[in-house]
Amino acid sequence: MITYVTQAQEYKDGYYYKVITAEGKSIDNIRTSAREWVSENYGSAESVIDLDTETKMIVKGQLALPQTSGKYRVDAKFKTTLTISYKESRFKVDLRFNSIFNPITNTWDSSQISQYNHLFANEAITKEEFFEMTRKAFKEKNIAKMGDRMLKNKGDSMYADYLISRKDSYGKIVGIYESIETKINSQSIEEDW
């Protein structure tokens, strides 16, 4: 049985990172397992791997995160960069959000990513912080009065939707890290042919 120690993934300046111990695993073992994970989770490793060296793999792909608004639930699509760096008996995983798909303009927008920091952060923001952030966003769009009315009439339900969306999105991100960790730290069972 392999034992390993991990630290929780942290979110900082637009990306998650986590260093994971992989006791008894060589760089080659970690790299091979990481390639297998990419192939299993992206369908084709070759179509998403941007860089693959002896010590690092960079994967460019997409991630859909669930968003709730009342009774509606949609997936927000993000372009991401996943970087897995290897050292003997440990590896580091970075997940960066590069842009979000805007279905209205049918384009990818990198300028909107900072508006999702509250959704990605390790801790949920308070209701007061959420209201202040929402007021600021409406003010920047020159529709502050409409924003104030919306918060007055629907602020509590908007905040409840945020909490659901954040929990679901954060859970999906945590699941990615857990999946990579499990794959790399699992014992490889070779079948006897």
Protein backbone atom coordinates (compact mmCIF):
# COMPACT_ATOMS: atom_id res chain seq x y z
CA MET A 1 0.00 0.00 0.00
CA ILE A 2 1.28 3.44 -0.90
CA THR A 3 0.86 6.25 1.58
CA TYR A 4 0.95 9.84 0.55
CA VAL A 5 0.48 13.29 2.04
CA THR A 6 -1.30 16.09 0.24
CA GLN A 7 -2.12 19.70 0.79
CA ALA A 8 -5.39 21.29 -0.27
CA GLN A 9 -5.38 23.10 -3.58
CA GLU A 10 -5.13 26.85 -3.27
CA TYR A 11 -6.56 29.53 -5.53
CA LYS A 12 -4.45 32.61 -6.16
CA ASP A 13 -4.35 35.23 -8.91
CA GLY A 14 -6.47 33.31 -11.40
CA TYR A 15 -5.21 29.78 -10.92
CA TYR A 16 -5.30 26.79 -8.61
CA TYR A 17 -2.18 24.95 -7.58
CA LYS A 18 -1.42 21.94 -5.46
CA VAL A 19 1.77 20.04 -4.64
CA ILE A 20 1.14 16.33 -4.12
CA THR A 21 3.48 13.72 -2.66
CA ALA A 22 3.81 10.46 -4.58
CA GLU A 23 5.92 8.21 -2.35
CA GLY A 24 8.12 5.80 -4.26
CA LYS A 25 7.13 7.15 -7.68
CA SER A 26 9.84 8.11 -10.12
CA ILE A 27 9.51 11.05 -12.49
CA ASP A 28 8.84 8.55 -15.31
CA ASN A 29 6.08 6.82 -13.29
CA ILE A 30 4.41 10.15 -12.55
CA ARG A 31 4.74 11.33 -16.17
CA THR A 32 3.26 8.11 -17.57
CA SER A 33 0.31 8.18 -15.17
CA ALA A 34 -0.28 11.88 -15.90
CA ARG A 35 -0.38 11.17 -19.67
CA GLU A 36 -2.86 8.34 -19.05
CA TRP A 37 -5.03 10.67 -16.96
CA VAL A 38 -5.03 13.30 -19.73
CA SER A 39 -5.94 10.68 -22.32
CA GLU A 40 -8.79 9.33 -20.18
CA ASN A 41 -10.19 12.78 -19.32
CA TYR A 42 -9.72 14.70 -22.56
CA GLY A 43 -10.41 11.90 -25.04
CA SER A 44 -7.15 12.37 -26.89
CA ALA A 45 -3.94 13.36 -25.17
CA GLU A 46 -2.32 14.41 -28.44
CA SER A 47 -5.04 16.94 -29.26
CA VAL A 48 -4.68 18.86 -25.97
CA ILE A 49 -1.04 18.45 -24.88
CA ASP A 50 0.79 21.64 -25.76
CA LEU A 51 4.12 20.72 -24.14
CA ASP A 52 5.44 17.38 -22.91
CA THR A 53 8.96 17.28 -21.49
CA GLU A 54 10.75 15.10 -18.97
CA THR A 55 9.67 17.40 -16.12
CA LYS A 56 6.48 19.13 -17.26
CA MET A 57 3.29 18.67 -19.24
CA ILE A 58 1.06 21.54 -20.35
CA VAL A 59 -2.50 20.71 -21.37
CA LYS A 60 -4.77 23.24 -23.08
CA GLY A 61 -8.43 22.33 -22.93
CA GLN A 62 -11.88 23.37 -21.84
CA LEU A 63 -13.77 23.01 -18.59
CA ALA A 64 -17.51 23.46 -18.10
CA LEU A 65 -18.56 24.66 -14.65
CA PRO A 66 -22.21 24.57 -13.51
CA GLN A 67 -23.98 27.87 -12.91
CA THR A 68 -27.38 28.23 -11.24
CA SER A 69 -29.89 31.02 -11.77
CA GLY A 70 -33.23 30.28 -10.15
CA LYS A 71 -34.59 27.07 -11.60
CA TYR A 72 -32.13 27.22 -14.52
CA ARG A 73 -28.76 25.51 -14.61
CA VAL A 74 -26.22 26.04 -17.37
CA ASP A 75 -22.56 25.28 -17.82
CA ALA A 76 -20.15 28.18 -18.21
CA LYS A 77 -17.35 27.11 -20.57
CA PHE A 78 -13.78 28.09 -19.76
CA LYS A 79 -10.56 27.64 -21.70
CA THR A 80 -7.97 26.35 -19.25
CA THR A 81 -4.30 25.51 -19.02
CA LEU A 82 -3.43 22.53 -16.82
CA THR A 83 0.28 22.23 -15.99
CA ILE A 84 1.67 19.14 -14.29
CA SER A 85 5.29 19.44 -13.15
CA TYR A 86 7.20 16.37 -11.95
CA LYS A 87 9.96 15.80 -9.42
CA GLU A 88 11.02 12.58 -7.79
CA SER A 89 8.23 11.42 -5.43
CA ARG A 90 6.06 14.51 -5.94
CA PHE A 91 4.29 16.57 -8.55
CA LYS A 92 2.59 19.95 -8.81
CA VAL A 93 -0.67 20.63 -10.62
CA ASP A 94 -1.62 24.15 -11.75
CA LEU A 95 -5.03 24.93 -13.25
CA ARG A 96 -5.36 28.35 -14.86
CA PHE A 97 -8.57 29.85 -16.24
CA ASN A 98 -7.70 31.74 -19.44
CA SER A 99 -11.02 32.83 -20.95
CA ILE A 100 -14.77 32.26 -20.82
CA PHE A 101 -17.08 31.59 -23.74
CA ASN A 102 -19.63 34.33 -24.38
CA PRO A 103 -22.65 32.69 -26.08
CA ILE A 104 -24.07 36.08 -27.08
CA THR A 105 -21.04 37.11 -29.14
CA ASN A 106 -19.92 33.52 -29.82
CA THR A 107 -16.36 34.43 -28.74
CA TRP A 108 -13.86 33.63 -26.00
CA ASP A 109 -13.25 36.53 -23.61
CA SER A 110 -10.19 36.67 -21.37
CA SER A 111 -11.10 40.07 -19.89
CA GLN A 112 -14.05 38.54 -17.98
CA ILE A 113 -12.04 35.96 -15.97
CA SER A 114 -11.41 38.27 -13.01
CA GLN A 115 -15.18 38.59 -12.57
CA TYR A 116 -15.26 34.89 -11.69
CA ASN A 117 -12.68 35.03 -8.87
CA HIS A 118 -15.49 34.93 -6.29
CA LEU A 119 -16.68 31.68 -7.85
CA PHE A 120 -13.25 30.03 -7.86
CA ALA A 121 -11.97 31.19 -4.47
CA ASN A 122 -11.32 28.68 -1.69
CA GLU A 123 -13.92 30.40 0.52
CA ALA A 124 -17.36 31.72 -0.36
CA ILE A 125 -17.77 35.47 -0.10
CA THR A 126 -20.28 36.93 2.35
CA LYS A 127 -23.66 38.24 1.30
CA GLU A 128 -22.45 41.80 1.91
CA GLU A 129 -19.37 41.23 -0.28
CA PHE A 130 -21.56 39.69 -2.98
CA PHE A 131 -23.90 42.70 -2.95
CA GLU A 132 -20.98 45.14 -3.09
CA MET A 133 -19.38 43.22 -5.97
CA THR A 134 -22.70 43.15 -7.85
CA ARG A 135 -23.26 46.90 -7.31
CA LYS A 136 -19.75 47.61 -8.62
CA ALA A 137 -20.34 45.48 -11.74
CA PHE A 138 -23.62 47.28 -12.50
CA LYS A 139 -21.99 50.66 -11.88
CA GLU A 140 -19.17 49.83 -14.33
CA LYS A 141 -21.83 49.07 -16.95
CA ASN A 142 -23.59 52.38 -16.21
CA ILE A 143 -26.74 50.62 -14.99
CA ALA A 144 -26.32 51.18 -11.25
CA LYS A 145 -30.00 52.02 -10.61
CA MET A 146 -31.14 48.82 -12.29
CA GLY A 147 -28.59 46.90 -10.21
CA ASP A 148 -29.87 48.43 -6.99
CA ARG A 149 -33.46 47.50 -7.89
CA MET A 150 -32.40 43.97 -8.78
CA LEU A 151 -30.55 43.53 -5.48
CA LYS A 152 -33.51 44.92 -3.56
CA ASN A 153 -35.99 42.57 -5.24
CA LYS A 154 -33.88 39.48 -5.91
CA GLY A 155 -30.66 39.93 -3.94
CA ASP A 156 -31.28 37.05 -1.53
CA SER A 157 -32.06 34.59 -4.31
CA MET A 158 -29.08 35.85 -6.37
CA TYR A 159 -26.80 35.20 -3.41
CA ALA A 160 -28.35 31.75 -2.88
CA ASP A 161 -27.71 30.98 -6.58
CA TYR A 162 -24.10 32.14 -6.18
CA LEU A 163 -23.61 29.79 -3.20
CA ILE A 164 -24.97 26.83 -5.19
CA SER A 165 -22.89 27.70 -8.27
CA ARG A 166 -19.75 28.17 -6.20
CA LYS A 167 -20.23 24.89 -4.35
CA ASP A 168 -20.85 22.95 -7.56
CA SER A 169 -17.99 24.60 -9.49
CA TYR A 170 -15.52 24.29 -6.64
CA GLY A 171 -16.55 20.65 -6.19
CA LYS A 172 -15.84 19.96 -9.84
CA ILE A 173 -12.40 21.59 -9.57
CA VAL A 174 -11.59 19.62 -6.40
CA GLY A 175 -12.69 16.49 -8.28
CA ILE A 176 -10.11 17.16 -11.00
CA TYR A 177 -7.31 17.34 -8.45
CA GLU A 178 -8.54 14.24 -6.64
CA SER A 179 -8.77 12.35 -9.92
CA ILE A 180 -5.21 13.26 -10.95
CA GLU A 181 -3.91 12.41 -7.49
CA THR A 182 -5.68 9.05 -7.47
CA LYS A 183 -4.42 8.16 -10.96
CA ILE A 184 -0.80 9.01 -10.23
CA ASN A 185 -0.72 7.43 -6.79
CA SER A 186 -2.54 4.24 -7.76
CA GLN A 187 -0.68 0.97 -8.07
CA SER A 188 -0.31 -0.08 -11.68
CA ILE A 189 -1.61 -3.56 -12.25
CA GLU A 190 0.05 -5.23 -15.21
CA GLU A 191 -1.93 -8.01 -16.72
CA ASP A 192 -0.06 -11.20 -17.50
CA TRP A 193 -0.47 -11.85 -21.20
